[in-house]
């Protein structure tokens, strides 16, 4: 399994969010705050330039040491960790995390609600949730043997056969 590419995720968010604002001719923010360090800031700046947003005010805040990075400086900006400015930056970052987590949960819930498992007789909402919770995804279920599927909570051998046959035909 391939890992998550944080830098590509930052580029995608910048491309989608600010590209859409530009396309719709909506007001752009005064400051774009990126969650991450120098590498994340560089990724955001590259993407901003690529979509025609060069000159945007962009900064990043790295959580581990609460370092603030701005373009053109290799060293983090010194912001007193107890200052109102730092509290504001931390609050913005934490709200962005909360929003992102909520969004990803809603995507996960939608994936659970809309699944090929819905078409298999005997697999209702509870069994679907149990299967996805146990195996993680439809692709992982598809790679399991009949016996491994039958070992999942709430799945007997007969239903495991139905699931296996359905996913392999």
N, C-alpha and C. Protein backbone atom coordinates (compact mmCIF):
# COMPACT_ATOMS: atom_id res chain seq x y z
N UNK A 1 0.84 -1.17 0.00
CA UNK A 1 0.00 0.00 0.00
C UNK A 1 0.89 1.24 0.00
N UNK A 2 0.54 2.21 -0.80
CA UNK A 2 1.31 3.42 -0.90
C UNK A 2 0.91 4.38 0.20
N UNK A 3 1.88 5.12 0.75
CA UNK A 3 1.59 6.05 1.83
C UNK A 3 0.93 7.32 1.33
N UNK A 4 0.55 8.15 2.28
CA UNK A 4 -0.08 9.42 1.97
C UNK A 4 1.01 10.43 1.60
N UNK A 5 0.80 11.18 0.55
CA UNK A 5 1.74 12.21 0.12
C UNK A 5 1.21 13.56 0.59
N UNK A 6 1.71 14.01 1.75
CA UNK A 6 1.25 15.27 2.34
C UNK A 6 1.41 16.44 1.39
N UNK A 7 2.53 16.49 0.70
CA UNK A 7 2.80 17.63 -0.18
C UNK A 7 1.82 17.66 -1.35
N UNK A 8 1.52 16.50 -1.90
CA UNK A 8 0.56 16.45 -3.00
C UNK A 8 -0.84 16.82 -2.48
N UNK A 9 -1.15 16.43 -1.26
CA UNK A 9 -2.45 16.80 -0.68
C UNK A 9 -2.56 18.32 -0.53
N UNK A 10 -1.48 18.97 -0.09
CA UNK A 10 -1.48 20.43 0.04
C UNK A 10 -1.67 21.06 -1.33
N UNK A 11 -0.94 20.54 -2.33
CA UNK A 11 -1.08 21.09 -3.69
C UNK A 11 -2.51 20.94 -4.19
N UNK A 12 -3.12 19.79 -3.93
CA UNK A 12 -4.48 19.55 -4.39
C UNK A 12 -5.47 20.50 -3.73
N UNK A 13 -5.32 20.70 -2.43
CA UNK A 13 -6.22 21.62 -1.72
C UNK A 13 -6.08 23.03 -2.27
N UNK A 14 -4.86 23.49 -2.45
CA UNK A 14 -4.64 24.84 -3.00
C UNK A 14 -5.24 24.94 -4.40
N UNK A 15 -4.98 23.92 -5.22
CA UNK A 15 -5.48 23.92 -6.60
C UNK A 15 -7.01 23.96 -6.62
N UNK A 16 -7.64 23.11 -5.85
CA UNK A 16 -9.10 23.01 -5.90
C UNK A 16 -9.77 24.22 -5.25
N UNK A 17 -9.33 24.58 -4.05
CA UNK A 17 -9.99 25.66 -3.31
C UNK A 17 -9.79 27.02 -3.97
N UNK A 18 -8.56 27.38 -4.20
CA UNK A 18 -8.29 28.73 -4.70
C UNK A 18 -8.48 28.81 -6.21
N UNK A 19 -8.31 27.69 -6.90
CA UNK A 19 -8.64 27.67 -8.33
C UNK A 19 -10.12 27.92 -8.55
N UNK A 20 -10.95 27.31 -7.69
CA UNK A 20 -12.39 27.51 -7.79
C UNK A 20 -12.78 28.95 -7.47
N UNK A 21 -12.17 29.52 -6.42
CA UNK A 21 -12.46 30.91 -6.08
C UNK A 21 -12.10 31.84 -7.24
N UNK A 22 -10.95 31.58 -7.87
CA UNK A 22 -10.52 32.42 -8.99
C UNK A 22 -11.47 32.24 -10.18
N UNK A 23 -11.85 31.01 -10.45
CA UNK A 23 -12.75 30.72 -11.57
C UNK A 23 -14.10 31.40 -11.37
N UNK A 24 -14.58 31.41 -10.14
CA UNK A 24 -15.87 32.02 -9.83
C UNK A 24 -15.75 33.52 -9.57
N UNK A 25 -14.51 34.03 -9.72
CA UNK A 25 -14.23 35.46 -9.51
C UNK A 25 -14.68 35.94 -8.12
N UNK A 26 -14.42 35.08 -7.13
CA UNK A 26 -14.76 35.42 -5.75
C UNK A 26 -13.54 36.00 -5.05
N UNK A 27 -13.77 36.65 -3.95
CA UNK A 27 -12.70 37.29 -3.18
C UNK A 27 -11.75 36.22 -2.63
N UNK A 28 -10.47 36.49 -2.77
CA UNK A 28 -9.46 35.59 -2.24
C UNK A 28 -9.12 36.01 -0.81
N UNK A 29 -8.65 35.08 0.00
CA UNK A 29 -8.32 35.42 1.39
C UNK A 29 -7.08 36.33 1.45
N UNK A 30 -6.98 37.06 2.55
CA UNK A 30 -5.81 37.91 2.76
C UNK A 30 -4.60 37.07 3.14
N UNK A 31 -4.84 35.93 3.77
CA UNK A 31 -3.76 35.05 4.21
C UNK A 31 -4.18 33.60 3.99
N UNK A 32 -3.29 32.83 3.41
CA UNK A 32 -3.50 31.38 3.28
C UNK A 32 -2.55 30.73 4.27
N UNK A 33 -3.11 30.05 5.26
CA UNK A 33 -2.30 29.42 6.31
C UNK A 33 -2.29 27.91 6.07
N UNK A 34 -1.10 27.39 5.90
CA UNK A 34 -0.91 25.97 5.61
C UNK A 34 -0.49 25.25 6.89
N UNK A 35 -1.05 24.08 7.10
CA UNK A 35 -0.67 23.25 8.24
C UNK A 35 0.55 22.44 7.83
N UNK A 36 1.70 22.76 8.40
CA UNK A 36 2.91 22.01 8.08
C UNK A 36 4.13 22.90 8.13
N UNK A 37 5.24 22.32 7.72
CA UNK A 37 6.52 23.03 7.78
C UNK A 37 6.91 23.64 6.45
N UNK A 38 8.23 23.80 6.28
CA UNK A 38 8.76 24.45 5.07
C UNK A 38 8.38 23.71 3.80
N UNK A 39 8.40 22.40 3.83
CA UNK A 39 8.06 21.62 2.64
C UNK A 39 6.61 21.82 2.23
N UNK A 40 5.72 21.87 3.20
CA UNK A 40 4.31 22.10 2.92
C UNK A 40 4.10 23.50 2.35
N UNK A 41 4.81 24.48 2.92
CA UNK A 41 4.72 25.85 2.42
C UNK A 41 5.20 25.91 0.98
N UNK A 42 6.32 25.25 0.69
CA UNK A 42 6.85 25.24 -0.69
C UNK A 42 5.86 24.62 -1.66
N UNK A 43 5.23 23.52 -1.26
CA UNK A 43 4.24 22.86 -2.12
C UNK A 43 3.07 23.80 -2.40
N UNK A 44 2.60 24.50 -1.37
CA UNK A 44 1.47 25.42 -1.54
C UNK A 44 1.87 26.58 -2.45
N UNK A 45 3.05 27.11 -2.26
CA UNK A 45 3.51 28.23 -3.10
C UNK A 45 3.66 27.82 -4.56
N UNK A 46 4.22 26.64 -4.79
CA UNK A 46 4.37 26.14 -6.18
C UNK A 46 3.01 26.03 -6.85
N UNK A 47 2.05 25.47 -6.13
CA UNK A 47 0.72 25.28 -6.70
C UNK A 47 0.03 26.62 -6.91
N UNK A 48 0.17 27.53 -5.96
CA UNK A 48 -0.43 28.86 -6.09
C UNK A 48 0.11 29.55 -7.34
N UNK A 49 1.39 29.43 -7.56
CA UNK A 49 1.99 30.03 -8.76
C UNK A 49 1.47 29.36 -10.02
N UNK A 50 1.34 28.04 -9.97
CA UNK A 50 0.88 27.28 -11.13
C UNK A 50 -0.54 27.66 -11.54
N UNK A 51 -1.39 27.98 -10.58
CA UNK A 51 -2.78 28.33 -10.92
C UNK A 51 -2.97 29.83 -11.12
N UNK A 52 -1.85 30.58 -11.08
CA UNK A 52 -1.95 32.01 -11.33
C UNK A 52 -2.22 32.83 -10.09
N UNK A 53 -1.87 32.31 -8.95
CA UNK A 53 -2.11 32.99 -7.68
C UNK A 53 -0.79 33.45 -7.07
N UNK A 54 0.21 33.69 -7.93
CA UNK A 54 1.51 34.14 -7.44
C UNK A 54 1.31 35.47 -6.70
N UNK A 55 2.06 35.66 -5.64
CA UNK A 55 1.95 36.89 -4.87
C UNK A 55 0.98 36.78 -3.71
N UNK A 56 0.27 35.66 -3.58
CA UNK A 56 -0.64 35.48 -2.45
C UNK A 56 0.18 35.41 -1.17
N UNK A 57 -0.38 35.90 -0.09
CA UNK A 57 0.29 35.84 1.21
C UNK A 57 0.03 34.45 1.80
N UNK A 58 1.09 33.68 1.91
CA UNK A 58 0.99 32.30 2.38
C UNK A 58 1.98 32.11 3.52
N UNK A 59 1.59 31.42 4.55
CA UNK A 59 2.47 31.05 5.66
C UNK A 59 2.10 29.64 6.09
N UNK A 60 2.98 29.02 6.86
CA UNK A 60 2.66 27.69 7.37
C UNK A 60 3.01 27.63 8.85
N UNK A 61 2.33 26.74 9.55
CA UNK A 61 2.61 26.53 10.97
C UNK A 61 2.80 25.03 11.19
N UNK A 62 4.00 24.68 11.67
CA UNK A 62 4.35 23.29 11.94
C UNK A 62 4.00 22.98 13.39
N UNK A 63 3.23 21.94 13.59
CA UNK A 63 2.67 21.65 14.92
C UNK A 63 3.71 21.24 15.95
N UNK A 64 4.68 20.44 15.56
CA UNK A 64 5.57 19.86 16.57
C UNK A 64 6.24 20.92 17.44
N UNK A 65 6.82 21.94 16.81
CA UNK A 65 7.49 22.99 17.58
C UNK A 65 6.78 24.33 17.48
N UNK A 66 5.57 24.31 16.89
CA UNK A 66 4.81 25.54 16.70
C UNK A 66 5.64 26.59 15.96
N UNK A 67 6.29 26.15 14.87
CA UNK A 67 7.12 27.05 14.07
C UNK A 67 6.29 27.63 12.94
N UNK A 68 6.47 28.92 12.68
CA UNK A 68 5.77 29.60 11.61
C UNK A 68 6.77 29.90 10.50
N UNK A 69 6.44 29.47 9.29
CA UNK A 69 7.31 29.69 8.14
C UNK A 69 6.64 30.63 7.15
N UNK A 70 7.46 31.49 6.55
CA UNK A 70 6.98 32.41 5.52
C UNK A 70 7.90 32.29 4.32
N UNK A 71 7.41 32.63 3.13
CA UNK A 71 8.25 32.54 1.93
C UNK A 71 9.50 33.42 2.05
N UNK A 72 10.59 32.92 1.49
CA UNK A 72 11.82 33.70 1.44
C UNK A 72 12.69 33.60 2.67
N UNK A 73 12.29 32.80 3.64
CA UNK A 73 13.08 32.67 4.86
C UNK A 73 13.27 31.19 5.17
N UNK A 74 14.53 30.79 5.36
CA UNK A 74 14.80 29.39 5.69
C UNK A 74 14.46 29.08 7.15
N UNK A 75 14.60 30.08 8.00
CA UNK A 75 14.34 29.88 9.42
C UNK A 75 12.89 30.26 9.74
N UNK A 76 12.32 29.62 10.75
CA UNK A 76 10.95 30.00 11.13
C UNK A 76 10.92 31.40 11.73
N UNK A 77 9.79 32.05 11.59
CA UNK A 77 9.57 33.36 12.21
C UNK A 77 9.43 33.12 13.71
N UNK A 78 10.06 33.95 14.50
CA UNK A 78 9.98 33.80 15.95
C UNK A 78 8.68 34.45 16.44
N UNK A 79 7.74 33.62 16.88
CA UNK A 79 6.49 34.11 17.45
C UNK A 79 6.42 33.55 18.87
N UNK A 80 6.26 34.43 19.83
CA UNK A 80 6.17 34.01 21.22
C UNK A 80 5.05 32.99 21.37
N UNK A 81 5.38 31.83 21.92
CA UNK A 81 4.39 30.75 22.02
C UNK A 81 3.21 31.09 22.92
N UNK A 82 3.34 32.12 23.74
CA UNK A 82 2.24 32.53 24.61
C UNK A 82 1.54 33.80 24.12
N UNK A 83 1.86 34.22 22.93
CA UNK A 83 1.29 35.47 22.43
C UNK A 83 -0.10 35.26 21.83
N UNK A 84 -0.92 36.30 21.80
CA UNK A 84 -2.23 36.21 21.16
C UNK A 84 -2.11 35.82 19.68
N UNK A 85 -1.07 36.26 19.00
CA UNK A 85 -0.88 35.93 17.59
C UNK A 85 -0.71 34.41 17.42
N UNK A 86 0.11 33.81 18.29
CA UNK A 86 0.32 32.37 18.19
C UNK A 86 -0.96 31.62 18.53
N UNK A 87 -1.69 32.09 19.53
CA UNK A 87 -2.96 31.44 19.87
C UNK A 87 -3.93 31.48 18.69
N UNK A 88 -3.96 32.63 18.00
CA UNK A 88 -4.83 32.76 16.83
C UNK A 88 -4.42 31.76 15.74
N UNK A 89 -3.12 31.69 15.44
CA UNK A 89 -2.64 30.76 14.41
C UNK A 89 -2.96 29.31 14.80
N UNK A 90 -2.76 28.98 16.06
CA UNK A 90 -3.05 27.62 16.52
C UNK A 90 -4.54 27.32 16.42
N UNK A 91 -5.35 28.29 16.77
CA UNK A 91 -6.81 28.09 16.71
C UNK A 91 -7.25 27.88 15.26
N UNK A 92 -6.71 28.66 14.34
CA UNK A 92 -7.06 28.50 12.92
C UNK A 92 -6.64 27.11 12.45
N UNK A 93 -5.43 26.70 12.80
CA UNK A 93 -4.95 25.37 12.40
C UNK A 93 -5.83 24.27 13.00
N UNK A 94 -6.16 24.40 14.27
CA UNK A 94 -6.96 23.37 14.94
C UNK A 94 -8.37 23.30 14.36
N UNK A 95 -8.93 24.44 13.99
CA UNK A 95 -10.25 24.45 13.34
C UNK A 95 -10.18 23.77 11.98
N UNK A 96 -9.10 24.02 11.25
CA UNK A 96 -8.92 23.37 9.95
C UNK A 96 -8.85 21.85 10.12
N UNK A 97 -8.13 21.40 11.16
CA UNK A 97 -8.07 19.97 11.46
C UNK A 97 -9.46 19.42 11.76
N UNK A 98 -10.19 20.13 12.61
CA UNK A 98 -11.53 19.68 12.98
C UNK A 98 -12.42 19.56 11.74
N UNK A 99 -12.34 20.56 10.87
CA UNK A 99 -13.13 20.57 9.64
C UNK A 99 -12.73 19.39 8.75
N UNK A 100 -11.43 19.19 8.58
CA UNK A 100 -10.95 18.11 7.72
C UNK A 100 -11.37 16.75 8.25
N UNK A 101 -11.27 16.55 9.56
CA UNK A 101 -11.67 15.28 10.16
C UNK A 101 -13.17 15.04 9.95
N UNK A 102 -13.97 16.08 10.15
CA UNK A 102 -15.41 15.95 9.94
C UNK A 102 -15.72 15.60 8.49
N UNK A 103 -15.02 16.25 7.57
CA UNK A 103 -15.23 16.00 6.14
C UNK A 103 -14.87 14.56 5.80
N UNK A 104 -13.74 14.08 6.28
CA UNK A 104 -13.32 12.71 5.96
C UNK A 104 -14.25 11.68 6.60
N UNK A 105 -14.77 12.00 7.77
CA UNK A 105 -15.76 11.09 8.39
C UNK A 105 -17.02 11.02 7.54
N UNK A 106 -17.45 12.17 7.01
CA UNK A 106 -18.65 12.15 6.17
C UNK A 106 -18.40 11.37 4.88
N UNK A 107 -17.19 11.48 4.31
CA UNK A 107 -16.86 10.68 3.13
C UNK A 107 -16.88 9.19 3.46
N UNK A 108 -16.29 8.84 4.61
CA UNK A 108 -16.27 7.44 5.03
C UNK A 108 -17.69 6.93 5.24
N UNK A 109 -18.52 7.73 5.90
CA UNK A 109 -19.90 7.33 6.14
C UNK A 109 -20.66 7.14 4.82
N UNK A 110 -20.39 8.02 3.86
CA UNK A 110 -21.04 7.90 2.55
C UNK A 110 -20.58 6.62 1.85
N UNK A 111 -19.27 6.32 1.95
CA UNK A 111 -18.76 5.07 1.35
C UNK A 111 -19.42 3.87 1.99
N UNK A 112 -19.65 3.96 3.30
CA UNK A 112 -20.31 2.85 3.99
C UNK A 112 -21.75 2.73 3.53
N UNK A 113 -22.43 3.88 3.38
CA UNK A 113 -23.84 3.86 2.97
C UNK A 113 -24.01 3.35 1.54
N UNK A 114 -23.09 3.73 0.64
CA UNK A 114 -23.20 3.37 -0.77
C UNK A 114 -22.10 2.37 -1.11
N UNK A 115 -22.46 1.11 -1.20
CA UNK A 115 -21.45 0.07 -1.38
C UNK A 115 -22.00 -1.05 -2.25
N UNK A 116 -21.09 -1.76 -2.93
CA UNK A 116 -21.52 -2.92 -3.71
C UNK A 116 -22.08 -4.00 -2.80
N UNK A 117 -21.74 -3.93 -1.51
CA UNK A 117 -22.28 -4.91 -0.57
C UNK A 117 -23.80 -4.79 -0.46
N UNK A 118 -24.34 -3.61 -0.81
CA UNK A 118 -25.79 -3.40 -0.76
C UNK A 118 -26.55 -4.34 -1.68
N UNK A 119 -25.89 -4.82 -2.72
CA UNK A 119 -26.54 -5.67 -3.72
C UNK A 119 -26.51 -7.15 -3.36
N UNK A 120 -25.88 -7.49 -2.25
CA UNK A 120 -25.75 -8.90 -1.86
C UNK A 120 -26.86 -9.26 -0.88
N UNK A 121 -27.70 -10.24 -1.25
CA UNK A 121 -28.77 -10.65 -0.34
C UNK A 121 -28.19 -11.14 0.99
N UNK A 122 -28.79 -10.69 2.08
CA UNK A 122 -28.34 -11.10 3.40
C UNK A 122 -27.35 -10.14 4.04
N UNK A 123 -26.88 -9.15 3.26
CA UNK A 123 -25.95 -8.17 3.81
C UNK A 123 -26.71 -6.85 3.97
N UNK A 124 -27.08 -6.58 5.21
CA UNK A 124 -27.76 -5.33 5.52
C UNK A 124 -26.75 -4.31 6.05
N UNK A 125 -27.26 -3.24 6.58
CA UNK A 125 -26.43 -2.15 7.06
C UNK A 125 -25.45 -2.59 8.15
N UNK A 126 -25.93 -3.37 9.12
CA UNK A 126 -25.06 -3.79 10.22
C UNK A 126 -23.95 -4.72 9.74
N UNK A 127 -24.29 -5.68 8.89
CA UNK A 127 -23.25 -6.59 8.38
C UNK A 127 -22.27 -5.85 7.48
N UNK A 128 -22.80 -4.91 6.70
CA UNK A 128 -21.93 -4.11 5.82
C UNK A 128 -20.92 -3.33 6.68
N UNK A 129 -21.43 -2.68 7.74
CA UNK A 129 -20.54 -1.94 8.64
C UNK A 129 -19.51 -2.87 9.27
N UNK A 130 -19.96 -4.02 9.70
CA UNK A 130 -19.04 -4.97 10.34
C UNK A 130 -17.96 -5.43 9.36
N UNK A 131 -18.36 -5.73 8.13
CA UNK A 131 -17.38 -6.16 7.12
C UNK A 131 -16.37 -5.06 6.81
N UNK A 132 -16.86 -3.85 6.60
CA UNK A 132 -15.95 -2.75 6.27
C UNK A 132 -15.07 -2.38 7.45
N UNK A 133 -15.61 -2.49 8.65
CA UNK A 133 -14.81 -2.22 9.84
C UNK A 133 -13.73 -3.29 10.01
N UNK A 134 -14.11 -4.54 9.77
CA UNK A 134 -13.18 -5.67 9.95
C UNK A 134 -12.08 -5.68 8.89
N UNK A 135 -12.46 -5.46 7.62
CA UNK A 135 -11.50 -5.58 6.52
C UNK A 135 -10.96 -4.24 6.02
N UNK A 136 -11.70 -3.16 6.22
CA UNK A 136 -11.22 -1.84 5.81
C UNK A 136 -11.74 -1.32 4.49
N UNK A 137 -11.98 -2.21 3.52
CA UNK A 137 -12.47 -1.76 2.22
C UNK A 137 -13.00 -2.95 1.42
N UNK A 138 -13.72 -2.62 0.36
CA UNK A 138 -14.23 -3.66 -0.54
C UNK A 138 -13.07 -4.40 -1.19
N UNK A 139 -12.04 -3.67 -1.60
CA UNK A 139 -10.89 -4.31 -2.25
C UNK A 139 -10.21 -5.31 -1.34
N UNK A 140 -10.13 -4.98 -0.06
CA UNK A 140 -9.52 -5.92 0.89
C UNK A 140 -10.40 -7.14 1.09
N UNK A 141 -11.71 -6.94 1.11
CA UNK A 141 -12.62 -8.10 1.21
C UNK A 141 -12.43 -8.98 0.00
N UNK A 142 -12.34 -8.38 -1.17
CA UNK A 142 -12.19 -9.11 -2.43
C UNK A 142 -10.93 -9.98 -2.43
N UNK A 143 -9.89 -9.54 -1.73
CA UNK A 143 -8.62 -10.29 -1.71
C UNK A 143 -8.60 -11.41 -0.67
N UNK A 144 -9.66 -11.50 0.14
CA UNK A 144 -9.70 -12.51 1.19
C UNK A 144 -10.24 -13.84 0.66
N UNK A 145 -9.84 -14.90 1.35
CA UNK A 145 -10.36 -16.22 1.02
C UNK A 145 -11.77 -16.35 1.59
N UNK A 146 -12.46 -17.37 1.14
CA UNK A 146 -13.80 -17.66 1.65
C UNK A 146 -13.76 -17.83 3.17
N UNK A 147 -12.78 -18.54 3.66
CA UNK A 147 -12.66 -18.80 5.10
C UNK A 147 -12.40 -17.51 5.88
N UNK A 148 -11.59 -16.61 5.31
CA UNK A 148 -11.31 -15.34 5.99
C UNK A 148 -12.57 -14.47 6.06
N UNK A 149 -13.36 -14.49 5.02
CA UNK A 149 -14.62 -13.72 5.03
C UNK A 149 -15.56 -14.31 6.07
N UNK A 150 -15.62 -15.64 6.12
CA UNK A 150 -16.51 -16.31 7.08
C UNK A 150 -16.09 -16.05 8.53
N UNK A 151 -14.83 -15.71 8.75
CA UNK A 151 -14.34 -15.44 10.10
C UNK A 151 -14.71 -14.04 10.60
N UNK A 152 -15.24 -13.21 9.72
CA UNK A 152 -15.64 -11.86 10.12
C UNK A 152 -16.86 -11.93 11.03
N UNK A 153 -16.99 -10.98 11.94
CA UNK A 153 -18.13 -10.98 12.87
C UNK A 153 -19.47 -10.96 12.14
N UNK A 154 -20.36 -11.87 12.53
CA UNK A 154 -21.72 -11.90 11.98
C UNK A 154 -21.84 -12.54 10.61
N UNK A 155 -20.78 -13.17 10.12
CA UNK A 155 -20.81 -13.78 8.78
C UNK A 155 -20.64 -15.29 8.91
N UNK A 156 -21.65 -16.04 8.45
CA UNK A 156 -21.53 -17.50 8.44
C UNK A 156 -20.98 -17.95 7.09
N UNK A 157 -20.71 -19.23 6.96
CA UNK A 157 -20.09 -19.76 5.74
C UNK A 157 -20.98 -19.54 4.51
N UNK A 158 -22.29 -19.72 4.67
CA UNK A 158 -23.21 -19.55 3.54
C UNK A 158 -23.18 -18.11 3.03
N UNK A 159 -23.24 -17.15 3.95
CA UNK A 159 -23.20 -15.75 3.55
C UNK A 159 -21.82 -15.37 3.01
N UNK A 160 -20.79 -15.93 3.60
CA UNK A 160 -19.43 -15.69 3.10
C UNK A 160 -19.32 -16.14 1.65
N UNK A 161 -19.93 -17.28 1.33
CA UNK A 161 -19.91 -17.78 -0.05
C UNK A 161 -20.63 -16.80 -0.99
N UNK A 162 -21.78 -16.29 -0.54
CA UNK A 162 -22.52 -15.29 -1.34
C UNK A 162 -21.66 -14.06 -1.60
N UNK A 163 -21.01 -13.56 -0.56
CA UNK A 163 -20.17 -12.36 -0.68
C UNK A 163 -18.99 -12.64 -1.61
N UNK A 164 -18.32 -13.77 -1.38
CA UNK A 164 -17.16 -14.14 -2.21
C UNK A 164 -17.57 -14.26 -3.68
N UNK A 165 -18.63 -14.98 -3.93
CA UNK A 165 -19.09 -15.17 -5.32
C UNK A 165 -19.45 -13.83 -5.97
N UNK A 166 -20.16 -13.00 -5.22
CA UNK A 166 -20.59 -11.73 -5.79
C UNK A 166 -19.38 -10.84 -6.14
N UNK A 167 -18.39 -10.80 -5.25
CA UNK A 167 -17.22 -9.94 -5.47
C UNK A 167 -16.26 -10.49 -6.51
N UNK A 168 -16.40 -11.77 -6.87
CA UNK A 168 -15.49 -12.36 -7.84
C UNK A 168 -16.15 -12.64 -9.18
N UNK A 169 -17.36 -12.20 -9.37
CA UNK A 169 -18.05 -12.40 -10.66
C UNK A 169 -18.38 -11.08 -11.31
